[in-house]
Amino acid sequence: AGSPGVAGGRGATPGMMPAGGRECWHYKDALGDVQGPCAASKLLEWHRAGLLVGTMQVKHVSGAAYLALHEALDLVSGEVRPAALAPPRPSSAPAAEPRQAATGGAT
């Protein structure tokens, strides 16, 4: 539901990407709604059919952030780029902690 359809279902070579046919990708459609999951081979097929642009935002389930399709997948070879699989980083910046003493007390 919500995924672009490709007439005939042809275009991508099966098994050419490490992700294979596994449905582990989400993408943001033209309205900004998240669609998926779907296989990387489908994203590539839809791109080759002209249904998805290279700047479409996609995210692997193990990835930290949405990337442009062309940053996540090599659009020629179909290989998944390492940046697309980078796990979320633990926050290295200290969070603002409520350590301050009560400021509304006696003066």
PDB file of N, CA and C in Angstrom:
ATOM      1  N   ALA A   1       0.843  -1.182   0.000  1.00  0.00           N
ATOM      2  CA  ALA A   1       0.000   0.000   0.000  1.00  0.00           C
ATOM      3  C   ALA A   1       0.877   1.231   0.000  1.00  0.00           C
ATOM      4  N   GLY A   2       0.638   2.111  -0.977  1.00  0.00           N
ATOM      5  CA  GLY A   2       1.413   3.319  -1.069  1.00  0.00           C
ATOM      6  C   GLY A   2       2.704   3.173  -1.842  1.00  0.00           C
ATOM      7  N   SER A   3       3.120   1.943  -2.170  1.00  0.00           N
ATOM      8  CA  SER A   3       4.346   1.737  -2.914  1.00  0.00           C
ATOM      9  C   SER A   3       4.106   1.955  -4.392  1.00  0.00           C
ATOM     10  N   PRO A   4       5.094   2.549  -5.083  1.00  0.00           N
ATOM     11  CA  PRO A   4       4.913   2.708  -6.517  1.00  0.00           C
ATOM     12  C   PRO A   4       4.823   1.346  -7.171  1.00  0.00           C
ATOM     13  N   GLY A   5       3.988   1.218  -8.163  1.00  0.00           N
ATOM     14  CA  GLY A   5       3.880  -0.037  -8.889  1.00  0.00           C
ATOM     15  C   GLY A   5       4.732   0.022 -10.139  1.00  0.00           C
ATOM     16  N   VAL A   6       5.251  -1.095 -10.544  1.00  0.00           N
ATOM     17  CA  VAL A   6       6.048  -1.174 -11.761  1.00  0.00           C
ATOM     18  C   VAL A   6       5.392  -2.191 -12.665  1.00  0.00           C
ATOM     19  N   ALA A   7       4.958  -1.748 -13.834  1.00  0.00           N
ATOM     20  CA  ALA A   7       4.294  -2.648 -14.778  1.00  0.00           C
ATOM     21  C   ALA A   7       5.222  -3.792 -15.140  1.00  0.00           C
ATOM     22  N   GLY A   8       4.745  -4.991 -15.022  1.00  0.00           N
ATOM     23  CA  GLY A   8       5.515  -6.169 -15.399  1.00  0.00           C
ATOM     24  C   GLY A   8       6.490  -6.633 -14.345  1.00  0.00           C
ATOM     25  N   GLY A   9       6.812  -5.784 -13.360  1.00  0.00           N
ATOM     26  CA  GLY A   9       7.715  -6.183 -12.285  1.00  0.00           C
ATOM     27  C   GLY A   9       9.121  -6.470 -12.749  1.00  0.00           C
ATOM     28  N   ARG A  10       9.586  -5.885 -13.861  1.00  0.00           N
ATOM     29  CA  ARG A  10      10.929  -6.142 -14.370  1.00  0.00           C
ATOM     30  C   ARG A  10      11.814  -4.936 -14.122  1.00  0.00           C
ATOM     31  N   GLY A  11      13.128  -5.138 -14.174  1.00  0.00           N
ATOM     32  CA  GLY A  11      14.044  -4.015 -14.089  1.00  0.00           C
ATOM     33  C   GLY A  11      15.269  -4.298 -13.252  1.00  0.00           C
ATOM     34  N   ALA A  12      15.131  -4.883 -12.092  1.00  0.00           N
ATOM     35  CA  ALA A  12      16.276  -5.150 -11.232  1.00  0.00           C
ATOM     36  C   ALA A  12      16.715  -6.596 -11.391  1.00  0.00           C
ATOM     37  N   THR A  13      18.007  -6.820 -11.304  1.00  0.00           N
ATOM     38  CA  THR A  13      18.535  -8.174 -11.363  1.00  0.00           C
ATOM     39  C   THR A  13      18.440  -8.772  -9.974  1.00  0.00           C
ATOM     40  N   PRO A  14      17.735  -9.894  -9.804  1.00  0.00           N
ATOM     41  CA  PRO A  14      17.578 -10.475  -8.469  1.00  0.00           C
ATOM     42  C   PRO A  14      18.911 -10.836  -7.833  1.00  0.00           C
ATOM     43  N   GLY A  15      19.032 -10.576  -6.550  1.00  0.00           N
ATOM     44  CA  GLY A  15      20.194 -11.008  -5.783  1.00  0.00           C
ATOM     45  C   GLY A  15      21.465 -10.228  -6.018  1.00  0.00           C
ATOM     46  N   MET A  16      21.419  -9.068  -6.669  1.00  0.00           N
ATOM     47  CA  MET A  16      22.663  -8.361  -6.926  1.00  0.00           C
ATOM     48  C   MET A  16      23.070  -7.466  -5.773  1.00  0.00           C
ATOM     49  N   MET A  17      22.213  -7.297  -4.780  1.00  0.00           N
ATOM     50  CA  MET A  17      22.528  -6.463  -3.631  1.00  0.00           C
ATOM     51  C   MET A  17      22.656  -7.325  -2.395  1.00  0.00           C
ATOM     52  N   PRO A  18      23.546  -6.947  -1.470  1.00  0.00           N
ATOM     53  CA  PRO A  18      23.671  -7.722  -0.243  1.00  0.00           C
ATOM     54  C   PRO A  18      22.350  -7.868   0.499  1.00  0.00           C
ATOM     55  N   ALA A  19      21.475  -6.863   0.418  1.00  0.00           N
ATOM     56  CA  ALA A  19      20.193  -6.939   1.118  1.00  0.00           C
ATOM     57  C   ALA A  19      19.246  -7.907   0.431  1.00  0.00           C
ATOM     58  N   GLY A  20      19.540  -8.286  -0.814  1.00  0.00           N
ATOM     59  CA  GLY A  20      18.716  -9.240  -1.541  1.00  0.00           C
ATOM     60  C   GLY A  20      17.267  -8.808  -1.581  1.00  0.00           C
ATOM     61  N   GLY A  21      16.358  -9.752  -1.409  1.00  0.00           N
ATOM     62  CA  GLY A  21      14.943  -9.457  -1.464  1.00  0.00           C
ATOM     63  C   GLY A  21      14.346  -9.127  -0.114  1.00  0.00           C
ATOM     64  N   ARG A  22      15.181  -8.974   0.898  1.00  0.00           N
ATOM     65  CA  ARG A  22      14.663  -8.699   2.240  1.00  0.00           C
ATOM     66  C   ARG A  22      14.033  -7.323   2.300  1.00  0.00           C
ATOM     67  N   GLU A  23      12.871  -7.258   2.879  1.00  0.00           N
ATOM     68  CA  GLU A  23      12.150  -5.999   2.990  1.00  0.00           C
ATOM     69  C   GLU A  23      12.596  -5.265   4.241  1.00  0.00           C
ATOM     70  N   CYS A  24      13.664  -4.507   4.094  1.00  0.00           N
ATOM     71  CA  CYS A  24      14.228  -3.831   5.262  1.00  0.00           C
ATOM     72  C   CYS A  24      14.516  -2.361   4.989  1.00  0.00           C
ATOM     73  N   TRP A  25      13.813  -1.773   4.028  1.00  0.00           N
ATOM     74  CA  TRP A  25      13.994  -0.364   3.695  1.00  0.00           C
ATOM     75  C   TRP A  25      12.674   0.383   3.816  1.00  0.00           C
ATOM     76  N   HIS A  26      12.750   1.609   4.304  1.00  0.00           N
ATOM     77  CA  HIS A  26      11.610   2.525   4.333  1.00  0.00           C
ATOM     78  C   HIS A  26      11.989   3.726   3.483  1.00  0.00           C
ATOM     79  N   TYR A  27      11.000   4.396   2.943  1.00  0.00           N
ATOM     80  CA  TYR A  27      11.266   5.618   2.195  1.00  0.00           C
ATOM     81  C   TYR A  27      10.161   6.619   2.464  1.00  0.00           C
ATOM     82  N   LYS A  28      10.500   7.888   2.253  1.00  0.00           N
ATOM     83  CA  LYS A  28       9.522   8.963   2.420  1.00  0.00           C
ATOM     84  C   LYS A  28       8.983   9.307   1.037  1.00  0.00           C
ATOM     85  N   ASP A  29       7.663   9.204   0.893  1.00  0.00           N
ATOM     86  CA  ASP A  29       7.048   9.502  -0.400  1.00  0.00           C
ATOM     87  C   ASP A  29       7.010  11.007  -0.645  1.00  0.00           C
ATOM     88  N   ALA A  30       6.434  11.404  -1.760  1.00  0.00           N
ATOM     89  CA  ALA A  30       6.392  12.821  -2.149  1.00  0.00           C
ATOM     90  C   ALA A  30       5.670  13.700  -1.128  1.00  0.00           C
ATOM     91  N   LEU A  31       4.809  13.107  -0.326  1.00  0.00           N
ATOM     92  CA  LEU A  31       4.090  13.867   0.703  1.00  0.00           C
ATOM     93  C   LEU A  31       4.814  13.854   2.049  1.00  0.00           C
ATOM     94  N   GLY A  32       5.942  13.127   2.112  1.00  0.00           N
ATOM     95  CA  GLY A  32       6.696  13.030   3.353  1.00  0.00           C
ATOM     96  C   GLY A  32       6.242  11.904   4.255  1.00  0.00           C
ATOM     97  N   ASP A  33       5.288  11.088   3.773  1.00  0.00           N
ATOM     98  CA  ASP A  33       4.817   9.950   4.561  1.00  0.00           C
ATOM     99  C   ASP A  33       5.794   8.790   4.414  1.00  0.00           C
ATOM    100  N   VAL A  34       6.054   8.081   5.506  1.00  0.00           N
ATOM    101  CA  VAL A  34       6.962   6.933   5.480  1.00  0.00           C
ATOM    102  C   VAL A  34       6.225   5.731   4.899  1.00  0.00           C
ATOM    103  N   GLN A  35       6.860   5.097   3.926  1.00  0.00           N
ATOM    104  CA  GLN A  35       6.324   3.901   3.272  1.00  0.00           C
ATOM    105  C   GLN A  35       7.298   2.754   3.488  1.00  0.00           C
ATOM    106  N   GLY A  36       6.803   1.538   3.363  1.00  0.00           N
ATOM    107  CA  GLY A  36       7.665   0.373   3.487  1.00  0.00           C
ATOM    108  C   GLY A  36       7.173  -0.508   4.608  1.00  0.00           C
ATOM    109  N   PRO A  37       7.881  -1.535   4.899  1.00  0.00           N
ATOM    110  CA  PRO A  37       9.205  -1.837   4.375  1.00  0.00           C
ATOM    111  C   PRO A  37       9.141  -2.438   2.971  1.00  0.00           C
ATOM    112  N   CYS A  38      10.253  -2.303   2.259  1.00  0.00           N
ATOM    113  CA  CYS A  38      10.378  -2.910   0.939  1.00  0.00           C
ATOM    114  C   CYS A  38      11.832  -3.312   0.733  1.00  0.00           C
ATOM    115  N   ALA A  39      12.067  -4.084  -0.301  1.00  0.00           N
ATOM    116  CA  ALA A  39      13.408  -4.575  -0.612  1.00  0.00           C
ATOM    117  C   ALA A  39      14.201  -3.517  -1.372  1.00  0.00           C
ATOM    118  N   ALA A  40      15.513  -3.520  -1.193  1.00  0.00           N
ATOM    119  CA  ALA A  40      16.395  -2.614  -1.927  1.00  0.00           C
ATOM    120  C   ALA A  40      16.242  -2.839  -3.427  1.00  0.00           C
ATOM    121  N   SER A  41      16.031  -4.076  -3.832  1.00  0.00           N
ATOM    122  CA  SER A  41      15.864  -4.362  -5.259  1.00  0.00           C
ATOM    123  C   SER A  41      14.632  -3.659  -5.819  1.00  0.00           C
ATOM    124  N   LYS A  42      13.588  -3.513  -5.010  1.00  0.00           N
ATOM    125  CA  LYS A  42      12.385  -2.788  -5.449  1.00  0.00           C
ATOM    126  C   LYS A  42      12.678  -1.296  -5.579  1.00  0.00           C
ATOM    127  N   LEU A  43      13.401  -0.724  -4.605  1.00  0.00           N
ATOM    128  CA  LEU A  43      13.761   0.686  -4.687  1.00  0.00           C
ATOM    129  C   LEU A  43      14.546   0.959  -5.960  1.00  0.00           C
ATOM    130  N   LEU A  44      15.493   0.096  -6.255  1.00  0.00           N
ATOM    131  CA  LEU A  44      16.310   0.257  -7.455  1.00  0.00           C
ATOM    132  C   LEU A  44      15.459   0.090  -8.715  1.00  0.00           C
ATOM    133  N   GLU A  45      14.580  -0.888  -8.706  1.00  0.00           N
ATOM    134  CA  GLU A  45      13.680  -1.120  -9.842  1.00  0.00           C
ATOM    135  C   GLU A  45      12.809   0.112 -10.086  1.00  0.00           C
ATOM    136  N   TRP A  46      12.236   0.652  -9.017  1.00  0.00           N
ATOM    137  CA  TRP A  46      11.373   1.823  -9.147  1.00  0.00           C
ATOM    138  C   TRP A  46      12.164   3.036  -9.620  1.00  0.00           C
ATOM    139  N   HIS A  47      13.415   3.165  -9.154  1.00  0.00           N
ATOM    140  CA  HIS A  47      14.256   4.269  -9.614  1.00  0.00           C
ATOM    141  C   HIS A  47      14.534   4.130 -11.115  1.00  0.00           C
ATOM    142  N   ARG A  48      14.899   2.941 -11.536  1.00  0.00           N
ATOM    143  CA  ARG A  48      15.214   2.711 -12.953  1.00  0.00           C
ATOM    144  C   ARG A  48      13.995   2.916 -13.844  1.00  0.00           C
ATOM    145  N   ALA A  49      12.813   2.697 -13.293  1.00  0.00           N
ATOM    146  CA  ALA A  49      11.578   2.903 -14.051  1.00  0.00           C
ATOM    147  C   ALA A  49      11.132   4.368 -14.025  1.00  0.00           C
ATOM    148  N   GLY A  50      11.887   5.210 -13.300  1.00  0.00           N
ATOM    149  CA  GLY A  50      11.556   6.626 -13.231  1.00  0.00           C
ATOM    150  C   GLY A  50      10.515   6.985 -12.192  1.00  0.00           C
ATOM    151  N   LEU A  51      10.203   6.048 -11.301  1.00  0.00           N
ATOM    152  CA  LEU A  51       9.182   6.294 -10.284  1.00  0.00           C
ATOM    153  C   LEU A  51       9.736   6.913  -9.002  1.00  0.00           C
ATOM    154  N   LEU A  52      11.036   6.738  -8.757  1.00  0.00           N
ATOM    155  CA  LEU A  52      11.691   7.329  -7.588  1.00  0.00           C
ATOM    156  C   LEU A  52      12.894   8.130  -8.080  1.00  0.00           C
ATOM    157  N   VAL A  53      13.074   9.310  -7.540  1.00  0.00           N
ATOM    158  CA  VAL A  53      14.242  10.119  -7.887  1.00  0.00           C
ATOM    159  C   VAL A  53      15.397   9.769  -6.956  1.00  0.00           C
ATOM    160  N   GLY A  54      16.608  10.070  -7.385  1.00  0.00           N
ATOM    161  CA  GLY A  54      17.799   9.746  -6.602  1.00  0.00           C
ATOM    162  C   GLY A  54      17.884  10.466  -5.277  1.00  0.00           C
ATOM    163  N   THR A  55      17.111  11.549  -5.133  1.00  0.00           N
ATOM    164  CA  THR A  55      17.141  12.299  -3.873  1.00  0.00           C
ATOM    165  C   THR A  55      16.040  11.865  -2.898  1.00  0.00           C
ATOM    166  N   MET A  56      15.228  10.874  -3.288  1.00  0.00           N
ATOM    167  CA  MET A  56      14.191  10.335  -2.400  1.00  0.00           C
ATOM    168  C   MET A  56      14.857   9.847  -1.120  1.00  0.00           C
ATOM    169  N   GLN A  57      14.303  10.188   0.024  1.00  0.00           N
ATOM    170  CA  GLN A  57      14.863   9.820   1.318  1.00  0.00           C
ATOM    171  C   GLN A  57      14.515   8.378   1.662  1.00  0.00           C
ATOM    172  N   VAL A  58      15.556   7.567   1.935  1.00  0.00           N
ATOM    173  CA  VAL A  58      15.377   6.161   2.282  1.00  0.00           C
ATOM    174  C   VAL A  58      16.153   5.858   3.559  1.00  0.00           C
ATOM    175  N   LYS A  59      15.742   4.785   4.229  1.00  0.00           N
ATOM    176  CA  LYS A  59      16.415   4.383   5.473  1.00  0.00           C
ATOM    177  C   LYS A  59      16.362   2.879   5.613  1.00  0.00           C
ATOM    178  N   HIS A  60      17.508   2.281   5.869  1.00  0.00           N
ATOM    179  CA  HIS A  60      17.582   0.854   6.182  1.00  0.00           C
ATOM    180  C   HIS A  60      17.161   0.689   7.633  1.00  0.00           C
ATOM    181  N   VAL A  61      16.541  -0.435   7.965  1.00  0.00           N
ATOM    182  CA  VAL A  61      16.064  -0.619   9.341  1.00  0.00           C
ATOM    183  C   VAL A  61      17.192  -0.549  10.366  1.00  0.00           C
ATOM    184  N   SER A  62      18.423  -0.883   9.960  1.00  0.00           N
ATOM    185  CA  SER A  62      19.541  -0.804  10.902  1.00  0.00           C
ATOM    186  C   SER A  62      20.271   0.529  10.818  1.00  0.00           C
ATOM    187  N   GLY A  63      19.853   1.388   9.904  1.00  0.00           N
ATOM    188  CA  GLY A  63      20.527   2.668   9.723  1.00  0.00           C
ATOM    189  C   GLY A  63      20.075   3.715  10.720  1.00  0.00           C
ATOM    190  N   ALA A  64      20.925   4.706  10.886  1.00  0.00           N
ATOM    191  CA  ALA A  64      20.661   5.752  11.867  1.00  0.00           C
ATOM    192  C   ALA A  64      19.736   6.837  11.337  1.00  0.00           C
ATOM    193  N   ALA A  65      19.820   7.114  10.046  1.00  0.00           N
ATOM    194  CA  ALA A  65      19.094   8.268   9.526  1.00  0.00           C
ATOM    195  C   ALA A  65      18.666   8.033   8.084  1.00  0.00           C
ATOM    196  N   TYR A  66      17.737   8.855   7.632  1.00  0.00           N
ATOM    197  CA  TYR A  66      17.337   8.825   6.234  1.00  0.00           C
ATOM    198  C   TYR A  66      18.451   9.442   5.393  1.00  0.00           C
ATOM    199  N   LEU A  67      18.695   8.838   4.245  1.00  0.00           N
ATOM    200  CA  LEU A  67      19.681   9.313   3.281  1.00  0.00           C
ATOM    201  C   LEU A  67      18.995   9.419   1.933  1.00  0.00           C
ATOM    202  N   ALA A  68      19.582  10.204   1.037  1.00  0.00           N
ATOM    203  CA  ALA A  68      19.098  10.220  -0.334  1.00  0.00           C
ATOM    204  C   ALA A  68      19.339   8.829  -0.930  1.00  0.00           C
ATOM    205  N   LEU A  69      18.441   8.379  -1.787  1.00  0.00           N
ATOM    206  CA  LEU A  69      18.558   7.058  -2.401  1.00  0.00           C
ATOM    207  C   LEU A  69      19.941   6.846  -2.996  1.00  0.00           C
ATOM    208  N   HIS A  70      20.478   7.866  -3.697  1.00  0.00           N
ATOM    209  CA  HIS A  70      21.792   7.725  -4.331  1.00  0.00           C
ATOM    210  C   HIS A  70      22.928   7.639  -3.320  1.00  0.00           C
ATOM    211  N   GLU A  71      22.702   8.066  -2.075  1.00  0.00           N
ATOM    212  CA  GLU A  71      23.701   7.930  -1.016  1.00  0.00           C
ATOM    213  C   GLU A  71      23.612   6.562  -0.347  1.00  0.00           C
ATOM    214  N   ALA A  72      22.439   5.960  -0.378  1.00  0.00           N
ATOM    215  CA  ALA A  72      22.222   4.665   0.284  1.00  0.00           C
ATOM    216  C   ALA A  72      22.545   3.489  -0.638  1.00  0.00           C
ATOM    217  N   LEU A  73      22.247   3.637  -1.923  1.00  0.00           N
ATOM    218  CA  LEU A  73      22.477   2.565  -2.895  1.00  0.00           C
ATOM    219  C   LEU A  73      23.279   3.101  -4.063  1.00  0.00           C
ATOM    220  N   ASP A  74      24.198   2.283  -4.574  1.00  0.00           N
ATOM    221  CA  ASP A  74      24.867   2.624  -5.820  1.00  0.00           C
ATOM    222  C   ASP A  74      23.852   2.362  -6.915  1.00  0.00           C
ATOM    223  N   LEU A  75      23.402   3.400  -7.598  1.00  0.00           N
ATOM    224  CA  LEU A  75      22.307   3.271  -8.554  1.00  0.00           C
ATOM    225  C   LEU A  75      22.721   2.572  -9.836  1.00  0.00           C
ATOM    226  N   VAL A  76      24.015   2.338 -10.036  1.00  0.00           N
ATOM    227  CA  VAL A  76      24.484   1.602 -11.209  1.00  0.00           C
ATOM    228  C   VAL A  76      24.628   0.119 -10.872  1.00  0.00           C
ATOM    229  N   SER A  77      25.396  -0.173  -9.808  1.00  0.00           N
ATOM    230  CA  SER A  77      25.644  -1.574  -9.459  1.00  0.00           C
ATOM    231  C   SER A  77      24.560  -2.161  -8.571  1.00  0.00           C
ATOM    232  N   GLY A  78      23.825  -1.305  -7.847  1.00  0.00           N
ATOM    233  CA  GLY A  78      22.795  -1.776  -6.939  1.00  0.00           C
ATOM    234  C   GLY A  78      23.308  -2.153  -5.568  1.00  0.00           C
ATOM    235  N   GLU A  79      24.599  -1.953  -5.318  1.00  0.00           N
ATOM    236  CA  GLU A  79      25.154  -2.319  -4.020  1.00  0.00           C
ATOM    237  C   GLU A  79      24.750  -1.307  -2.954  1.00  0.00           C
ATOM    238  N   VAL A  80      24.534  -1.837  -1.760  1.00  0.00           N
ATOM    239  CA  VAL A  80      24.197  -0.999  -0.615  1.00  0.00           C
ATOM    240  C   VAL A  80      25.476  -0.318  -0.141  1.00  0.00           C
ATOM    241  N   ARG A  81      25.408   0.989   0.047  1.00  0.00           N
ATOM    242  CA  ARG A  81      26.570   1.740   0.526  1.00  0.00           C
ATOM    243  C   ARG A  81      26.680   1.596   2.046  1.00  0.00           C
ATOM    244  N   PRO A  82      27.920   1.534   2.572  1.00  0.00           N
ATOM    245  CA  PRO A  82      28.105   1.359   4.025  1.00  0.00           C
ATOM    246  C   PRO A  82      27.391   2.399   4.877  1.00  0.00           C
ATOM    247  N   ALA A  83      27.308   3.632   4.413  1.00  0.00           N
ATOM    248  CA  ALA A  83      26.655   4.686   5.206  1.00  0.00           C
ATOM    249  C   ALA A  83      25.201   4.353   5.494  1.00  0.00           C
ATOM    250  N   ALA A  84      24.564   3.596   4.599  1.00  0.00           N
ATOM    251  CA  ALA A  84      23.150   3.254   4.783  1.00  0.00           C
ATOM    252  C   ALA A  84      22.948   2.253   5.912  1.00  0.00           C
ATOM    253  N   LEU A  85      23.988   1.510   6.242  1.00  0.00           N
ATOM    254  CA  LEU A  85      23.874   0.473   7.268  1.00  0.00           C
ATOM    255  C   LEU A  85      24.466   0.900   8.599  1.00  0.00           C
ATOM    256  N   ALA A  86      24.970   2.130   8.663  1.00  0.00           N
ATOM    257  CA  ALA A  86      25.579   2.610   9.905  1.00  0.00           C
ATOM    258  C   ALA A  86      24.531   2.656  11.003  1.00  0.00           C
ATOM    259  N   PRO A  87      24.802   1.974  12.118  1.00  0.00           N
ATOM    260  CA  PRO A  87      23.831   1.981  13.222  1.00  0.00           C
ATOM    261  C   PRO A  87      23.784   3.347  13.888  1.00  0.00           C
ATOM    262  N   PRO A  88      22.710   3.619  14.587  1.00  0.00           N
ATOM    263  CA  PRO A  88      22.632   4.883  15.326  1.00  0.00           C
ATOM    264  C   PRO A  88      23.788   4.976  16.317  1.00  0.00           C
ATOM    265  N   ARG A  89      24.384   6.147  16.400  1.00  0.00           N
ATOM    266  CA  ARG A  89      25.481   6.358  17.353  1.00  0.00           C
ATOM    267  C   ARG A  89      24.919   6.713  18.719  1.00  0.00           C
ATOM    268  N   PRO A  90      25.557   6.203  19.766  1.00  0.00           N
ATOM    269  CA  PRO A  90      25.132   6.635  21.101  1.00  0.00           C
ATOM    270  C   PRO A  90      25.426   8.125  21.225  1.00  0.00           C
ATOM    271  N   SER A  91      24.585   8.807  21.910  1.00  0.00           N
ATOM    272  CA  SER A  91      24.752  10.247  22.071  1.00  0.00           C
ATOM    273  C   SER A  91      26.028  10.521  22.848  1.00  0.00           C
ATOM    274  N   SER A  92      26.970  11.256  22.216  1.00  0.00           N
ATOM    275  CA  SER A  92      28.215  11.584  22.894  1.00  0.00           C
ATOM    276  C   SER A  92      28.118  12.924  23.608  1.00  0.00           C
ATOM    277  N   ALA A  93      27.170  13.736  23.189  1.00  0.00           N
ATOM    278  CA  ALA A  93      26.973  15.021  23.855  1.00  0.00           C
ATOM    279  C   ALA A  93      26.184  14.796  25.137  1.00  0.00           C
ATOM    280  N   PRO A  94      26.647  15.351  26.230  1.00  0.00           N
ATOM    281  CA  PRO A  94      25.890  15.157  27.481  1.00  0.00           C
ATOM    282  C   PRO A  94      24.519  15.818  27.376  1.00  0.00           C
ATOM    283  N   ALA A  95      23.547  15.113  27.810  1.00  0.00           N
ATOM    284  CA  ALA A  95      22.185  15.647  27.799  1.00  0.00           C
ATOM    285  C   ALA A  95      22.062  16.681  28.907  1.00  0.00           C
ATOM    286  N   ALA A  96      21.223  17.655  28.661  1.00  0.00           N
ATOM    287  CA  ALA A  96      20.978  18.664  29.692  1.00  0.00           C
ATOM    288  C   ALA A  96      20.293  17.982  30.858  1.00  0.00           C
ATOM    289  N   GLU A  97      20.999  17.879  31.939  1.00  0.00           N
ATOM    290  CA  GLU A  97      20.442  17.185  33.091  1.00  0.00           C
ATOM    291  C   GLU A  97      19.894  18.196  34.087  1.00  0.00           C
ATOM    292  N   PRO A  98      18.813  17.849  34.756  1.00  0.00           N
ATOM    293  CA  PRO A  98      18.251  18.773  35.752  1.00  0.00           C
ATOM    294  C   PRO A  98      19.066  18.727  37.041  1.00  0.00           C
ATOM    295  N   ARG A  99      20.337  19.201  36.979  1.00  0.00           N
ATOM    296  CA  ARG A  99      21.213  19.176  38.136  1.00  0.00           C
ATOM    297  C   ARG A  99      21.163  20.475  38.937  1.00  0.00           C
ATOM    298  N   GLN A 100      20.624  21.499  38.332  1.00  0.00           N
ATOM    299  CA  GLN A 100      20.649  22.802  38.983  1.00  0.00           C
ATOM    300  C   GLN A 100      19.864  22.770  40.286  1.00  0.00           C
ATOM    301  N   ALA A 101      20.376  23.483  41.238  1.00  0.00           N
ATOM    302  CA  ALA A 101      19.680  23.609  42.512  1.00  0.00           C
ATOM    303  C   ALA A 101      18.416  24.441  42.271  1.00  0.00           C
ATOM    304  N   ALA A 102      17.469  24.273  43.146  1.00  0.00           N
ATOM    305  CA  ALA A 102      16.222  25.043  43.013  1.00  0.00           C
ATOM    306  C   ALA A 102      16.549  26.523  43.001  1.00  0.00           C
ATOM    307  N   THR A 103      16.065  27.230  41.972  1.00  0.00           N
ATOM    308  CA  THR A 103      16.376  28.642  41.843  1.00  0.00           C
ATOM    309  C   THR A 103      15.299  29.535  42.440  1.00  0.00           C
ATOM    310  N   GLY A 104      14.175  28.983  42.790  1.00  0.00           N
ATOM    311  CA  GLY A 104      13.089  29.794  43.306  1.00  0.00           C
ATOM    312  C   GLY A 104      13.073  29.858  44.828  1.00  0.00           C
ATOM    313  N   GLY A 105      14.164  29.433  45.478  1.00  0.00           N
ATOM    314  CA  GLY A 105      14.198  29.373  46.937  1.00  0.00           C
ATOM    315  C   GLY A 105      14.465  30.726  47.566  1.00  0.00           C
ATOM    316  N   ALA A 106      14.782  30.695  48.850  1.00  0.00           N
ATOM    317  CA  ALA A 106      15.038  31.928  49.622  1.00  0.00           C
ATOM    318  C   ALA A 106      16.306  32.580  49.140  1.00  0.00           C
ATOM    319  N   THR A 107      16.333  33.901  49.188  1.00  0.00           N
ATOM    320  CA  THR A 107      17.521  34.654  48.792  1.00  0.00           C
ATOM    321  C   THR A 107      18.155  35.347  49.949  1.00  0.00           C
TER     322      THR A 107
END
